[in-house]
N, C-alpha and C. Protein backbone atom coordinates (compact mmCIF):
# COMPACT_ATOMS: atom_id res chain seq x y z
N MET A 1 71.77 33.57 62.06
CA MET A 1 71.46 34.90 61.14
C MET A 1 72.01 36.13 62.99
N ILE A 2 70.78 36.11 63.17
CA ILE A 2 70.52 36.50 64.70
C ILE A 2 71.91 36.07 65.82
N TYR A 3 72.00 34.42 65.69
CA TYR A 3 72.74 34.05 66.24
C TYR A 3 74.43 34.51 66.68
N GLU A 4 74.97 34.66 65.22
CA GLU A 4 76.19 34.76 64.73
C GLU A 4 76.07 36.38 65.15
N PHE A 5 75.30 37.25 64.97
CA PHE A 5 75.16 38.80 65.16
C PHE A 5 75.56 38.96 66.48
N ALA A 6 74.56 38.38 67.36
CA ALA A 6 74.63 38.22 68.85
C ALA A 6 76.09 37.84 69.30
N MET A 7 76.45 36.64 68.66
CA MET A 7 78.06 36.16 69.16
C MET A 7 79.25 36.95 68.81
N LYS A 8 78.67 37.69 67.29
CA LYS A 8 80.14 38.36 66.92
C LYS A 8 80.15 39.87 68.56
N ILE A 9 79.01 40.43 68.86
CA ILE A 9 78.94 41.42 69.81
C ILE A 9 79.54 40.50 71.01
N SER A 10 79.27 39.79 71.23
CA SER A 10 79.80 39.02 72.64
C SER A 10 81.42 38.91 72.74
N LYS A 11 81.72 38.77 71.03
CA LYS A 11 83.07 37.90 71.67
C LYS A 11 83.41 39.59 71.41
N THR A 12 83.18 40.30 70.53
CA THR A 12 83.77 42.25 70.85
C THR A 12 84.07 42.81 71.47
N LEU A 13 82.68 42.30 73.07
CA LEU A 13 83.10 42.81 74.16
C LEU A 13 83.70 41.92 75.06
N GLU A 14 84.16 40.88 74.76
CA GLU A 14 85.08 39.80 75.69
C GLU A 14 86.63 40.32 75.12
N MET A 15 86.70 41.01 73.51
CA MET A 15 87.89 41.34 73.31
C MET A 15 88.54 42.38 74.18
N ASN A 16 87.63 43.34 74.03
CA ASN A 16 87.83 44.73 74.76
C ASN A 16 87.67 44.27 76.11
N ASN A 17 88.04 42.99 76.89
CA ASN A 17 87.87 42.77 78.02
C ASN A 17 86.31 43.70 79.18
N LEU A 18 85.39 43.89 78.37
CA LEU A 18 84.16 44.16 79.22
C LEU A 18 83.02 43.12 79.70
N ILE A 19 83.21 42.08 78.71
CA ILE A 19 82.92 40.63 79.41
C ILE A 19 84.11 39.56 79.68
N LYS A 20 83.50 38.41 80.96
CA LYS A 20 84.30 37.66 80.93
C LYS A 20 84.16 36.22 79.75
N ASP A 21 85.32 35.82 79.50
CA ASP A 21 84.99 34.31 78.42
C ASP A 21 84.17 33.97 78.42
N GLU A 22 83.70 33.24 79.90
CA GLU A 22 83.40 32.36 80.53
C GLU A 22 81.67 33.12 80.37
N ASP A 23 81.34 34.23 79.80
CA ASP A 23 79.98 34.80 80.03
C ASP A 23 79.89 34.69 78.89
N ILE A 24 80.42 34.30 77.93
CA ILE A 24 80.28 35.28 76.63
C ILE A 24 78.69 34.26 76.01
N ASP A 25 78.37 33.01 76.29
CA ASP A 25 77.01 32.43 76.03
C ASP A 25 75.39 33.61 76.76
N PHE A 26 76.57 33.86 77.90
CA PHE A 26 75.06 33.97 78.53
C PHE A 26 74.43 35.30 78.24
N TYR A 27 75.82 36.23 77.67
CA TYR A 27 75.50 37.88 76.70
C TYR A 27 75.31 37.61 75.53
N ARG A 28 75.44 36.58 74.78
CA ARG A 28 75.05 36.19 73.44
C ARG A 28 73.46 35.81 73.50
N TYR A 29 73.12 34.77 74.62
CA TYR A 29 71.81 34.64 74.83
C TYR A 29 71.04 36.15 74.84
N GLY A 30 71.49 36.72 75.72
CA GLY A 30 70.91 37.87 75.95
C GLY A 30 70.41 38.93 74.87
N LEU A 31 71.94 39.13 74.48
CA LEU A 31 71.55 40.37 73.19
C LEU A 31 70.74 39.80 72.08
N GLU A 32 70.71 37.89 71.84
CA GLU A 32 68.95 37.20 71.05
C GLU A 32 68.37 37.65 71.24
N LEU A 33 68.01 37.82 72.22
CA LEU A 33 66.85 38.17 72.69
C LEU A 33 66.46 39.65 72.66
N ILE A 34 67.40 40.33 72.81
CA ILE A 34 66.79 41.75 72.59
C ILE A 34 66.82 41.96 71.27
N ILE A 35 67.73 41.62 70.11
CA ILE A 35 67.23 41.89 69.31
C ILE A 35 66.18 41.35 68.38
N ILE A 36 65.40 39.79 69.16
CA ILE A 36 64.39 39.10 68.40
C ILE A 36 63.29 40.04 69.09
N THR A 37 63.05 40.80 69.82
CA THR A 37 62.63 41.56 70.37
C THR A 37 62.30 42.92 70.08
N ILE A 38 63.60 43.06 69.28
CA ILE A 38 62.95 44.67 68.74
C ILE A 38 62.96 44.63 67.47
N LEU A 39 63.51 43.01 66.56
CA LEU A 39 63.15 43.09 64.99
C LEU A 39 60.87 42.59 65.13
N LYS A 40 60.59 41.78 66.06
CA LYS A 40 59.59 41.05 65.72
C LYS A 40 58.52 42.23 66.46
N GLY A 41 58.73 43.22 67.28
CA GLY A 41 58.16 44.66 67.31
C GLY A 41 57.95 45.26 66.73
N ALA A 42 59.38 45.65 65.92
CA ALA A 42 58.89 46.25 64.82
C ALA A 42 58.03 45.93 63.72
N GLY A 43 58.35 44.69 63.33
CA GLY A 43 57.68 44.09 62.51
C GLY A 43 56.09 43.88 62.25
N LEU A 44 55.56 43.88 63.75
CA LEU A 44 54.44 44.08 63.99
C LEU A 44 53.88 45.22 64.14
N LEU A 45 54.94 46.44 64.47
CA LEU A 45 54.06 47.98 64.44
C LEU A 45 53.61 48.21 62.63
N ILE A 46 55.27 47.70 61.40
CA ILE A 46 55.16 47.84 60.66
C ILE A 46 53.47 47.71 60.04
N LEU A 47 53.59 46.17 60.31
CA LEU A 47 52.30 45.67 59.63
C LEU A 47 51.05 46.40 59.74
N ALA A 48 51.15 46.42 61.55
CA ALA A 48 49.92 47.26 61.96
C ALA A 48 49.29 48.85 60.92
N ALA A 49 50.88 49.50 60.74
CA ALA A 49 50.53 50.70 60.33
C ALA A 49 50.22 50.44 58.90
N ILE A 50 50.69 49.41 58.07
CA ILE A 50 50.12 48.74 56.71
C ILE A 50 48.50 48.79 56.68
N ILE A 51 47.93 47.88 58.31
CA ILE A 51 46.56 47.63 58.11
C ILE A 51 45.63 49.16 58.82
N GLY A 52 46.28 49.80 59.53
CA GLY A 52 45.98 50.83 60.10
C GLY A 52 45.68 51.21 60.84
N ILE A 53 45.88 49.56 61.94
CA ILE A 53 45.71 49.46 63.35
C ILE A 53 46.76 49.64 64.50
N VAL A 54 47.50 50.50 64.89
CA VAL A 54 48.88 50.92 65.39
C VAL A 54 48.55 51.14 66.57
N LYS A 55 47.62 51.87 66.64
CA LYS A 55 47.00 51.86 68.24
C LYS A 55 46.25 50.86 68.86
N GLU A 56 45.74 50.44 68.33
CA GLU A 56 45.07 49.20 68.55
C GLU A 56 45.79 48.01 68.67
N THR A 57 47.35 47.91 67.99
CA THR A 57 47.89 46.92 68.75
C THR A 57 49.23 47.13 69.59
N ILE A 58 49.38 48.34 69.84
CA ILE A 58 49.84 48.70 71.00
C ILE A 58 49.28 48.75 72.39
N VAL A 59 47.98 48.09 72.06
CA VAL A 59 46.96 48.43 73.23
C VAL A 59 47.64 47.03 73.45
N PHE A 60 47.14 46.29 72.61
CA PHE A 60 47.10 44.58 73.24
C PHE A 60 49.01 44.25 73.53
N ILE A 61 49.82 44.93 72.92
CA ILE A 61 51.38 44.50 72.79
C ILE A 61 51.62 44.53 74.61
N ILE A 62 50.42 45.99 75.06
CA ILE A 62 51.17 46.47 76.14
C ILE A 62 50.45 45.33 77.30
N PHE A 63 48.89 45.11 77.22
CA PHE A 63 48.21 44.26 78.06
C PHE A 63 48.80 42.85 78.12
N PHE A 64 49.10 42.15 76.67
CA PHE A 64 49.88 40.74 75.97
C PHE A 64 51.26 40.49 77.12
N THR A 65 52.18 41.69 76.68
CA THR A 65 53.55 41.07 77.00
C THR A 65 53.78 41.69 78.90
N SER A 66 53.01 42.61 79.02
CA SER A 66 53.06 42.89 80.82
C SER A 66 52.64 41.48 81.34
N LEU A 67 51.75 40.63 80.87
CA LEU A 67 51.37 39.80 81.58
C LEU A 67 52.25 38.59 81.12
N ARG A 68 52.47 38.13 80.01
CA ARG A 68 53.29 37.46 79.65
C ARG A 68 55.06 37.54 80.47
N VAL A 69 55.16 38.64 80.66
CA VAL A 69 56.86 38.54 81.53
C VAL A 69 56.29 37.94 82.99
N GLN A 70 55.57 38.35 83.08
CA GLN A 70 55.53 37.29 84.69
C GLN A 70 55.19 36.24 84.48
N ALA A 71 54.04 35.55 84.08
CA ALA A 71 53.22 34.33 84.05
C ALA A 71 53.49 33.42 82.71
N GLY A 72 54.75 33.83 81.88
CA GLY A 72 55.36 33.18 80.30
C GLY A 72 54.24 32.44 79.96
N GLY A 73 54.57 31.16 79.02
CA GLY A 73 53.59 30.76 78.24
C GLY A 73 54.29 29.95 77.49
N VAL A 74 53.49 29.32 76.68
CA VAL A 74 54.08 28.22 75.63
C VAL A 74 55.14 29.48 74.57
N HIS A 75 56.39 28.67 74.12
CA HIS A 75 56.72 29.31 73.35
C HIS A 75 57.16 28.62 71.30
N SER A 76 57.48 29.13 70.67
CA SER A 76 57.59 28.21 69.25
C SER A 76 58.90 27.92 69.36
N GLN A 77 59.37 27.01 68.68
CA GLN A 77 60.76 27.07 68.66
C GLN A 77 61.63 27.86 67.88
N SER A 78 60.89 28.28 66.44
CA SER A 78 61.34 29.35 65.81
C SER A 78 60.95 30.52 65.64
N VAL A 79 62.39 31.83 65.83
CA VAL A 79 61.71 33.14 65.68
C VAL A 79 60.97 33.89 64.77
N TRP A 80 60.78 33.21 63.33
CA TRP A 80 59.75 33.55 62.49
C TRP A 80 58.60 33.05 62.60
N LYS A 81 58.42 31.66 63.13
CA LYS A 81 56.94 30.87 63.35
C LYS A 81 56.52 32.08 65.15
N CYS A 82 57.43 32.42 65.48
CA CYS A 82 57.16 32.84 66.67
C CYS A 82 56.18 34.37 66.42
N PHE A 83 56.85 34.72 65.18
CA PHE A 83 56.38 36.19 64.68
C PHE A 83 55.51 35.93 63.85
N VAL A 84 54.72 35.05 63.28
CA VAL A 84 53.18 34.71 62.90
C VAL A 84 52.39 34.48 63.72
N ILE A 85 52.83 33.77 64.56
CA ILE A 85 52.26 33.35 65.72
C ILE A 85 51.38 34.62 66.70
N THR A 86 52.61 35.31 67.02
CA THR A 86 52.08 36.49 67.15
C THR A 86 51.24 37.39 66.58
N CYS A 87 51.75 37.39 65.18
CA CYS A 87 51.13 38.68 64.61
C CYS A 87 49.42 38.17 64.53
N LEU A 88 49.42 36.65 64.01
CA LEU A 88 48.06 36.22 64.18
C LEU A 88 47.47 36.12 65.59
N MET A 89 47.65 36.23 66.40
CA MET A 89 47.38 36.28 67.43
C MET A 89 46.95 37.91 68.39
N THR A 90 47.86 38.53 68.01
CA THR A 90 47.72 40.40 67.66
C THR A 90 46.56 40.51 67.12
N PHE A 91 46.98 40.19 65.59
CA PHE A 91 45.36 40.88 64.49
C PHE A 91 44.26 39.99 64.93
N SER A 92 44.12 38.64 64.91
CA SER A 92 43.01 37.83 65.64
C SER A 92 42.53 38.55 66.89
N ALA A 93 42.99 38.91 67.98
CA ALA A 93 42.39 39.24 69.20
C ALA A 93 41.61 40.67 68.47
N ILE A 94 42.33 41.71 67.76
CA ILE A 94 41.91 43.14 67.38
C ILE A 94 40.78 42.69 66.62
N TYR A 95 40.73 41.85 65.86
CA TYR A 95 39.29 41.76 64.81
C TYR A 95 38.32 41.41 66.10
N ILE A 96 38.43 40.44 66.36
CA ILE A 96 37.62 39.73 67.34
C ILE A 96 37.23 40.83 68.28
N SER A 97 37.81 41.57 69.01
CA SER A 97 37.47 42.71 69.85
C SER A 97 36.48 44.00 69.05
N LYS A 98 37.13 44.34 67.40
CA LYS A 98 35.85 44.48 66.89
C LYS A 98 34.45 44.20 66.37
N LEU A 99 34.11 42.89 66.52
CA LEU A 99 33.58 41.90 66.24
C LEU A 99 32.24 41.98 66.99
N ILE A 100 32.52 42.44 68.23
CA ILE A 100 32.00 42.45 69.28
C ILE A 100 30.69 44.00 69.21
N PRO A 101 29.13 43.43 69.72
CA PRO A 101 28.81 44.55 69.10
C PRO A 101 28.93 45.17 70.40
N GLN A 102 28.51 46.25 70.38
CA GLN A 102 28.85 47.68 71.61
C GLN A 102 27.86 47.35 72.70
N ASP A 103 26.77 47.05 72.35
CA ASP A 103 25.99 46.63 73.29
C ASP A 103 26.22 45.19 74.78
N TYR A 104 26.79 44.49 73.83
CA TYR A 104 27.36 43.64 74.46
C TYR A 104 29.16 43.83 75.31
N GLU A 105 29.71 44.63 74.76
CA GLU A 105 31.03 45.10 75.27
C GLU A 105 31.24 44.49 76.54
N LYS A 106 30.72 44.88 77.59
CA LYS A 106 30.99 45.24 78.49
C LYS A 106 31.02 43.63 79.35
N ILE A 107 29.74 42.65 78.98
CA ILE A 107 29.66 41.47 79.14
C ILE A 107 31.05 40.83 78.75
N TYR A 108 30.96 40.94 77.61
CA TYR A 108 32.39 40.19 76.91
C TYR A 108 33.80 40.59 77.49
N GLN A 109 34.13 41.46 78.13
CA GLN A 109 34.85 42.36 78.74
C GLN A 109 35.07 41.42 80.15
N TYR A 110 33.77 41.34 81.00
CA TYR A 110 33.67 40.95 82.28
C TYR A 110 33.79 39.71 82.44
N PHE A 111 33.02 38.77 81.21
CA PHE A 111 33.65 37.30 80.91
C PHE A 111 35.00 36.95 80.92
N MET A 112 35.94 37.88 79.47
CA MET A 112 36.88 37.55 79.46
C MET A 112 38.00 37.69 80.59
N MET A 113 37.60 39.01 81.74
CA MET A 113 38.39 38.76 82.79
C MET A 113 38.48 37.74 83.92
N ILE A 114 37.21 37.42 83.88
CA ILE A 114 36.93 35.87 84.83
C ILE A 114 37.62 34.71 83.99
N PHE A 115 37.69 34.64 82.85
CA PHE A 115 38.77 33.67 82.28
C PHE A 115 40.04 34.06 82.45
N ALA A 116 40.48 35.31 81.94
CA ALA A 116 41.85 35.10 82.38
C ALA A 116 42.53 35.08 83.39
N LEU A 117 41.66 35.84 84.40
CA LEU A 117 42.15 35.84 86.16
C LEU A 117 42.23 34.12 86.57
N MET A 118 41.30 33.50 86.05
CA MET A 118 40.98 31.66 86.25
C MET A 118 42.42 31.63 85.52
N GLY A 119 42.64 31.29 84.46
CA GLY A 119 43.81 30.99 83.69
C GLY A 119 45.11 31.14 84.64
N ILE A 120 45.32 32.34 85.04
CA ILE A 120 46.31 32.77 86.04
C ILE A 120 46.69 32.33 87.23
N TRP A 121 45.24 31.98 87.76
CA TRP A 121 45.33 31.48 89.09
C TRP A 121 45.42 29.70 89.09
N LEU A 122 45.58 29.24 88.03
CA LEU A 122 45.20 27.91 88.02
C LEU A 122 46.79 27.80 87.27
N PHE A 123 47.13 27.97 86.30
CA PHE A 123 48.35 27.59 85.59
C PHE A 123 49.76 28.80 85.79
N ALA A 124 49.57 30.21 86.16
CA ALA A 124 50.66 30.70 86.35
C ALA A 124 51.87 30.24 87.36
N PRO A 125 53.02 30.48 87.14
CA PRO A 125 53.22 30.68 86.00
C PRO A 125 54.35 29.31 85.31
N MET A 126 54.29 29.80 83.86
CA MET A 126 54.32 28.24 83.39
C MET A 126 55.95 28.25 83.46
N ASP A 127 56.21 27.02 83.84
CA ASP A 127 57.64 26.49 83.40
C ASP A 127 58.03 25.75 82.13
N THR A 128 58.58 26.52 81.42
CA THR A 128 59.12 25.86 80.15
C THR A 128 60.62 26.19 79.95
N PRO A 129 61.06 25.00 79.08
CA PRO A 129 62.37 25.25 78.56
C PRO A 129 63.11 26.03 78.35
N ASN A 130 62.45 27.34 77.75
CA ASN A 130 63.18 28.53 77.97
C ASN A 130 63.08 29.22 79.18
N ARG A 131 62.58 28.98 80.15
CA ARG A 131 62.59 29.38 81.19
C ARG A 131 62.05 28.31 82.37
N ARG A 132 63.63 27.44 82.64
CA ARG A 132 62.85 26.47 84.18
C ARG A 132 63.14 28.07 85.72
N LEU A 133 61.96 27.53 86.68
CA LEU A 133 62.05 28.16 87.33
C LEU A 133 61.97 26.95 88.70
N ASN A 134 62.72 27.51 89.55
CA ASN A 134 62.55 26.39 91.34
C ASN A 134 61.68 26.91 91.89
N ALA A 135 61.59 26.63 93.00
CA ALA A 135 59.84 26.94 93.60
C ALA A 135 60.49 28.60 93.95
N LYS A 136 61.38 28.59 95.23
CA LYS A 136 60.69 30.40 94.93
C LYS A 136 60.64 31.20 94.04
N GLU A 137 61.18 30.28 92.83
CA GLU A 137 60.96 31.94 91.92
C GLU A 137 59.23 31.31 90.95
N LYS A 138 58.53 29.82 91.58
CA LYS A 138 57.44 30.02 91.27
C LYS A 138 56.66 30.59 92.19
N LYS A 139 56.94 30.70 93.16
CA LYS A 139 55.85 31.40 93.96
C LYS A 139 56.19 32.94 94.14
N LYS A 140 57.09 33.66 93.77
CA LYS A 140 57.33 35.12 93.32
C LYS A 140 56.71 35.15 91.79
N TYR A 141 57.05 34.32 91.32
CA TYR A 141 56.19 34.72 89.62
C TYR A 141 54.92 34.21 89.97
N ARG A 142 54.15 34.05 90.61
CA ARG A 142 53.00 33.44 90.42
C ARG A 142 52.23 34.69 91.41
N LYS A 143 53.00 35.70 92.30
CA LYS A 143 52.58 36.51 93.30
C LYS A 143 52.73 37.67 92.25
N ARG A 144 53.83 37.85 91.37
CA ARG A 144 53.57 38.71 90.51
C ARG A 144 52.47 38.28 89.34
N SER A 145 52.27 37.69 88.92
CA SER A 145 51.09 37.20 87.71
C SER A 145 49.75 38.11 88.28
N ILE A 146 49.66 37.42 89.16
CA ILE A 146 48.18 37.59 90.18
C ILE A 146 47.97 38.77 90.25
N ALA A 147 49.11 39.88 90.61
CA ALA A 147 49.02 41.35 90.91
C ALA A 147 49.39 41.99 89.25
N THR A 148 49.78 41.52 88.78
CA THR A 148 49.33 42.01 87.25
C THR A 148 48.14 41.88 86.58
N ILE A 149 47.49 40.55 86.59
CA ILE A 149 46.02 40.53 85.99
C ILE A 149 45.70 41.19 87.28
N ILE A 150 45.01 41.36 88.10
CA ILE A 150 44.20 42.56 88.79
C ILE A 150 44.33 43.49 88.35
N ILE A 151 45.86 44.33 88.27
CA ILE A 151 46.11 45.66 87.65
C ILE A 151 45.53 46.21 86.49
N ALA A 152 46.07 44.94 85.34
CA ALA A 152 45.11 45.13 84.51
C ALA A 152 43.91 44.97 84.06
N CYS A 153 43.16 44.15 85.00
CA CYS A 153 41.53 44.20 85.40
C CYS A 153 41.37 45.22 85.54
N PHE A 154 41.87 46.42 86.47
CA PHE A 154 41.04 47.40 87.20
C PHE A 154 42.12 48.78 85.80
N VAL A 155 42.50 48.85 85.15
CA VAL A 155 42.96 49.37 84.47
C VAL A 155 42.33 49.13 83.02
N ILE A 156 41.93 48.28 83.04
CA ILE A 156 40.83 47.75 81.79
C ILE A 156 39.41 48.55 81.95
N ILE A 157 38.78 48.14 83.09
CA ILE A 157 37.91 48.74 83.99
C ILE A 157 37.98 49.92 83.89
N SER A 158 38.53 50.97 84.17
CA SER A 158 39.04 52.05 84.20
C SER A 158 39.20 52.99 82.45
N ILE A 159 39.28 52.16 81.80
CA ILE A 159 39.50 52.53 80.33
C ILE A 159 38.04 52.65 79.50
N GLY A 160 37.22 51.35 80.61
CA GLY A 160 35.79 51.48 80.13
C GLY A 160 35.04 52.42 80.25
N LEU A 161 35.82 53.12 81.27
CA LEU A 161 34.79 54.15 82.34
C LEU A 161 34.52 55.07 81.39
N LEU A 162 35.75 55.32 80.48
CA LEU A 162 36.23 56.88 80.04
C LEU A 162 35.02 56.86 78.80
N GLY A 163 34.48 56.29 78.48
CA GLY A 163 32.85 56.02 77.45
C GLY A 163 32.94 55.53 75.95
N SER A 164 32.02 55.36 75.34
CA SER A 164 31.87 54.61 74.69
C SER A 164 33.17 54.60 73.64
N ASN A 165 34.04 56.11 73.32
CA ASN A 165 34.80 55.84 72.23
C ASN A 165 36.11 54.75 72.63
N TYR A 166 36.13 55.11 73.63
CA TYR A 166 37.29 54.11 74.51
C TYR A 166 36.71 52.45 74.54
N GLN A 167 35.71 52.16 74.64
CA GLN A 167 35.54 50.76 74.81
C GLN A 167 35.88 49.99 73.85
N ILE A 168 36.85 49.79 72.61
CA ILE A 168 37.31 49.27 71.77
C ILE A 168 38.89 49.28 72.27
N TYR A 169 39.62 49.95 73.17
CA TYR A 169 40.66 49.64 73.40
C TYR A 169 40.73 48.88 75.07
N ALA A 170 39.17 48.98 75.63
CA ALA A 170 39.35 47.64 77.20
C ALA A 170 38.65 46.45 76.28
N THR A 171 38.30 46.73 75.49
CA THR A 171 37.88 44.97 74.33
C THR A 171 39.29 44.38 74.14
N ILE A 172 39.92 45.15 73.44
CA ILE A 172 41.28 45.01 73.02
C ILE A 172 42.04 44.42 74.19
N ALA A 173 42.39 44.93 75.47
CA ALA A 173 43.31 44.58 76.20
C ALA A 173 42.94 43.63 76.99
N VAL A 174 41.20 43.07 77.09
CA VAL A 174 40.63 42.04 77.59
C VAL A 174 40.95 40.84 76.75
N THR A 175 40.97 40.98 75.56
CA THR A 175 41.48 39.61 74.54
C THR A 175 42.76 39.82 75.07
N ALA A 176 43.59 40.48 74.92
CA ALA A 176 45.28 40.36 74.85
C ALA A 176 45.27 39.14 76.23
N ILE A 177 45.14 39.67 77.44
CA ILE A 177 44.83 39.21 78.53
C ILE A 177 44.37 37.99 78.47
N ALA A 178 43.27 37.45 78.20
CA ALA A 178 42.10 36.23 77.97
C ALA A 178 43.47 35.33 77.14
N PHE A 179 44.10 36.10 75.88
CA PHE A 179 45.15 35.12 74.79
C PHE A 179 46.00 34.77 75.33
N GLU A 180 46.77 35.46 76.46
CA GLU A 180 47.96 35.27 77.26
C GLU A 180 47.21 33.96 78.39
N GLY A 181 46.20 33.91 78.84
CA GLY A 181 46.30 32.87 79.70
C GLY A 181 45.60 31.74 79.45
N VAL A 182 45.28 31.62 77.46
CA VAL A 182 45.11 30.24 76.98
C VAL A 182 46.68 29.68 76.92
N THR A 183 47.48 30.90 76.29
CA THR A 183 48.95 29.82 76.50
C THR A 183 49.51 29.44 77.51
N LEU A 184 48.93 29.60 78.71
CA LEU A 184 49.40 29.36 80.04
C LEU A 184 48.94 27.42 80.22
N ILE A 185 47.82 27.03 79.61
CA ILE A 185 47.07 25.92 79.52
C ILE A 185 48.22 24.79 79.25
N PRO A 186 48.45 23.71 80.23
CA PRO A 186 49.43 22.89 80.22
C PRO A 186 49.00 21.88 79.62
N ILE A 187 49.48 22.05 78.29
CA ILE A 187 48.95 20.78 77.15
C ILE A 187 50.15 20.53 76.85
N ASN A 188 50.47 19.52 76.25
CA ASN A 188 51.98 18.79 75.69
C ASN A 188 51.46 18.47 73.97
N ILE A 189 51.84 19.43 73.40
CA ILE A 189 51.30 19.39 72.01
C ILE A 189 52.60 18.64 71.51
N LYS A 190 52.50 16.94 71.30
CA LYS A 190 53.49 16.51 70.32
C LYS A 190 53.63 16.35 68.75
N LYS A 191 54.45 16.16 68.18
CA LYS A 191 54.87 16.30 66.73
C LYS A 191 54.76 17.67 66.16
N SER A 192 54.44 18.71 67.14
CA SER A 192 54.43 20.11 66.57
C SER A 192 55.37 20.94 66.66
N ASN A 193 55.05 22.29 66.49
CA ASN A 193 56.53 23.42 66.23
C ASN A 193 56.75 24.04 67.71
N PHE A 194 55.96 23.75 68.52
CA PHE A 194 56.35 24.24 70.11
C PHE A 194 57.22 23.38 71.09
N LYS A 195 57.95 23.84 72.23
CA LYS A 195 59.38 23.47 72.80
C LYS A 195 57.89 22.50 73.84
N GLU A 196 58.37 21.67 74.14
CA GLU A 196 57.48 20.51 75.22
C GLU A 196 57.11 21.92 76.55
N VAL A 197 55.91 21.67 76.95
CA VAL A 197 55.59 22.79 77.94
C VAL A 197 55.71 21.91 79.45
N PHE A 198 55.87 20.94 79.56
CA PHE A 198 55.69 20.28 80.98
C PHE A 198 57.56 19.70 81.31
């Protein structure tokens, strides 16, 4: 359905001489990604609104996505499986963050920052079938991934300094970057719903 809709728009652009015939697949793929991102984001926020955790979900999305764009990570073959996994990751991160006792939030945050930094340092960026990287691109995205995680850590520490009312957001943010670090671990999951990651 998404493929057909994106192809129809691409062919319309080509018929109106806005794109070349040889570029149709390129534009179709880009449109597919845009449509999927919009649908996934809207669905996630609708579920978050139903549950009553919109602010927390937005914090998770900002930190997880800003790092994922640079570092990459394992991908699901199906849009729906990806949506379900994204929802499970987001809502479980928020739930885990709310379970951390207030006295241990800072310890948890620093531990998870170290865990995320190690994951990024060791494994980023991930070369996947969805995003093949040459040596120059790997070097560029590695630098960007490290810069992004360092900036994220400073922002998380700053949020934590705002006071106890904001600790939950710092905890969700650090859980988000730790979850992204986990998606970088180079494992080959055979006979599963994930694309090959090597």
